[in-house]
Structures are given as structure tokens and as C-alpha cells.
Amino acid sequence: MESSVMKLHIEIRPGEGGQDARLLVERQATVYLRYAERHHLTADIIESQSAGHG
């Protein structure tokens, strides 16, 4: 059986909205990471900024 590797890069950034926008981005990232985990996919966070930046 031949195994193929597909890589996907997803960038999520908050728009205007201050703290609310940052919280939405954090929740969306959690959704993507949980999806990957449930489907036995590897997910790596390349860069992250804390909610205090901006």
C-alpha cells in the first residue's frame, strides 16, 4: 500500500473587533485542531501570539 502525504497551511488572523475577534480566532483554531485529532491527522502550530498582543 502506497502512502501519500498532503500538507495544508491554514492561517487564522483576527480582523477588527479587538478582544472579541481574538477570542473567535482562538476558538476557530481549537475547532481545526480537534478535527485533525479526531481524524488522526498531524497538526502543528507554527506561530502563535497571545491574546494580549495587538
N, C-alpha and C. Protein backbone atom coordinates (compact mmCIF):
# COMPACT_ATOMS: atom_id res chain seq x y z
N MET A 1 0.84 -1.18 0.00
CA MET A 1 0.00 0.00 0.00
C MET A 1 0.88 1.24 0.00
N GLU A 2 0.60 2.14 -0.90
CA GLU A 2 1.38 3.36 -1.01
C GLU A 2 0.74 4.45 -0.16
N SER A 3 1.56 5.17 0.59
CA SER A 3 1.07 6.24 1.44
C SER A 3 1.38 7.58 0.79
N SER A 4 0.41 8.47 0.78
CA SER A 4 0.65 9.81 0.24
C SER A 4 0.57 10.83 1.38
N VAL A 5 1.30 11.90 1.22
CA VAL A 5 1.33 12.95 2.22
C VAL A 5 0.81 14.23 1.59
N MET A 6 -0.16 14.83 2.25
CA MET A 6 -0.67 16.11 1.79
C MET A 6 -0.49 17.10 2.93
N LYS A 7 0.06 18.25 2.61
CA LYS A 7 0.27 19.27 3.63
C LYS A 7 -0.66 20.44 3.35
N LEU A 8 -1.18 21.00 4.41
CA LEU A 8 -2.09 22.13 4.32
C LEU A 8 -1.66 23.17 5.33
N HIS A 9 -1.59 24.39 4.89
CA HIS A 9 -1.21 25.50 5.76
C HIS A 9 -2.44 26.39 5.92
N ILE A 10 -2.89 26.57 7.16
CA ILE A 10 -4.03 27.42 7.45
C ILE A 10 -3.56 28.56 8.32
N GLU A 11 -3.86 29.77 7.91
CA GLU A 11 -3.51 30.95 8.70
C GLU A 11 -4.80 31.61 9.16
N ILE A 12 -4.91 31.82 10.46
CA ILE A 12 -6.10 32.43 11.02
C ILE A 12 -5.66 33.70 11.73
N ARG A 13 -6.26 34.83 11.35
CA ARG A 13 -5.91 36.11 11.97
C ARG A 13 -7.19 36.83 12.36
N PRO A 14 -7.16 37.50 13.49
CA PRO A 14 -8.34 38.27 13.87
C PRO A 14 -8.47 39.53 13.02
N GLY A 15 -9.69 39.87 12.69
CA GLY A 15 -9.95 41.12 11.99
C GLY A 15 -10.22 42.20 13.02
N GLU A 16 -10.94 43.21 12.60
CA GLU A 16 -11.31 44.27 13.53
C GLU A 16 -12.28 43.70 14.54
N GLY A 17 -12.20 44.16 15.75
CA GLY A 17 -13.10 43.67 16.78
C GLY A 17 -12.42 43.48 18.12
N GLY A 18 -11.13 43.77 18.15
CA GLY A 18 -10.41 43.71 19.43
C GLY A 18 -10.42 42.33 20.06
N GLN A 19 -10.73 42.30 21.36
CA GLN A 19 -10.69 41.06 22.13
C GLN A 19 -11.66 40.02 21.58
N ASP A 20 -12.85 40.45 21.14
CA ASP A 20 -13.83 39.52 20.59
C ASP A 20 -13.28 38.80 19.37
N ALA A 21 -12.60 39.53 18.50
CA ALA A 21 -12.03 38.92 17.30
C ALA A 21 -10.94 37.92 17.66
N ARG A 22 -10.13 38.25 18.63
CA ARG A 22 -9.07 37.33 19.07
C ARG A 22 -9.65 36.06 19.67
N LEU A 23 -10.71 36.20 20.46
CA LEU A 23 -11.35 35.03 21.04
C LEU A 23 -11.96 34.13 19.97
N LEU A 24 -12.55 34.73 18.96
CA LEU A 24 -13.12 33.95 17.86
C LEU A 24 -12.03 33.16 17.14
N VAL A 25 -10.89 33.79 16.91
CA VAL A 25 -9.76 33.12 16.25
C VAL A 25 -9.27 31.95 17.11
N GLU A 26 -9.16 32.15 18.41
CA GLU A 26 -8.73 31.07 19.29
C GLU A 26 -9.69 29.90 19.24
N ARG A 27 -10.98 30.19 19.25
CA ARG A 27 -11.98 29.12 19.17
C ARG A 27 -11.91 28.39 17.83
N GLN A 28 -11.73 29.14 16.75
CA GLN A 28 -11.66 28.52 15.43
C GLN A 28 -10.43 27.62 15.34
N ALA A 29 -9.31 28.06 15.86
CA ALA A 29 -8.11 27.23 15.86
C ALA A 29 -8.34 25.95 16.64
N THR A 30 -9.03 26.04 17.76
CA THR A 30 -9.34 24.85 18.55
C THR A 30 -10.20 23.87 17.76
N VAL A 31 -11.16 24.39 17.01
CA VAL A 31 -12.01 23.53 16.17
C VAL A 31 -11.15 22.78 15.16
N TYR A 32 -10.26 23.48 14.47
CA TYR A 32 -9.40 22.83 13.48
C TYR A 32 -8.49 21.78 14.11
N LEU A 33 -7.93 22.09 15.27
CA LEU A 33 -7.04 21.15 15.94
C LEU A 33 -7.79 19.90 16.41
N ARG A 34 -8.98 20.08 16.91
CA ARG A 34 -9.78 18.93 17.34
C ARG A 34 -10.21 18.07 16.15
N TYR A 35 -10.53 18.71 15.05
CA TYR A 35 -10.89 17.98 13.84
C TYR A 35 -9.72 17.09 13.41
N ALA A 36 -8.54 17.69 13.37
CA ALA A 36 -7.35 16.94 12.98
C ALA A 36 -7.12 15.75 13.91
N GLU A 37 -7.29 15.98 15.20
CA GLU A 37 -7.08 14.90 16.17
C GLU A 37 -8.08 13.77 15.95
N ARG A 38 -9.35 14.12 15.76
CA ARG A 38 -10.39 13.09 15.57
C ARG A 38 -10.17 12.27 14.31
N HIS A 39 -9.55 12.88 13.30
CA HIS A 39 -9.32 12.19 12.04
C HIS A 39 -7.89 11.66 11.90
N HIS A 40 -7.19 11.60 13.02
CA HIS A 40 -5.83 11.05 13.08
C HIS A 40 -4.88 11.76 12.12
N LEU A 41 -5.01 13.08 12.07
CA LEU A 41 -4.13 13.91 11.26
C LEU A 41 -3.13 14.61 12.17
N THR A 42 -2.00 14.95 11.63
CA THR A 42 -0.99 15.68 12.39
C THR A 42 -1.22 17.17 12.19
N ALA A 43 -1.26 17.91 13.28
CA ALA A 43 -1.42 19.36 13.21
C ALA A 43 -0.32 20.00 14.03
N ASP A 44 0.36 20.96 13.45
CA ASP A 44 1.42 21.69 14.13
C ASP A 44 1.09 23.18 14.12
N ILE A 45 1.24 23.82 15.26
CA ILE A 45 1.10 25.28 15.33
C ILE A 45 2.48 25.86 15.05
N ILE A 46 2.58 26.60 13.98
CA ILE A 46 3.87 27.16 13.57
C ILE A 46 4.18 28.44 14.33
N GLU A 47 3.18 29.27 14.51
CA GLU A 47 3.38 30.54 15.23
C GLU A 47 2.07 30.91 15.91
N SER A 48 2.19 31.45 17.10
CA SER A 48 1.00 31.87 17.84
C SER A 48 1.33 33.11 18.64
N GLN A 49 0.36 33.99 18.72
CA GLN A 49 0.52 35.17 19.56
C GLN A 49 -0.54 35.13 20.63
N SER A 50 -0.18 35.56 21.82
CA SER A 50 -1.16 35.56 22.91
C SER A 50 -2.21 36.64 22.67
N ALA A 51 -3.34 36.49 23.32
CA ALA A 51 -4.44 37.43 23.15
C ALA A 51 -4.09 38.84 23.60
N GLY A 52 -3.02 38.99 24.34
CA GLY A 52 -2.63 40.30 24.83
C GLY A 52 -1.98 41.18 23.77
N HIS A 53 -1.52 40.60 22.64
CA HIS A 53 -0.87 41.37 21.60
C HIS A 53 -1.92 42.10 20.78
N GLY A 54 -1.50 43.18 20.14
CA GLY A 54 -2.41 43.81 19.21
C GLY A 54 -2.35 45.25 19.33
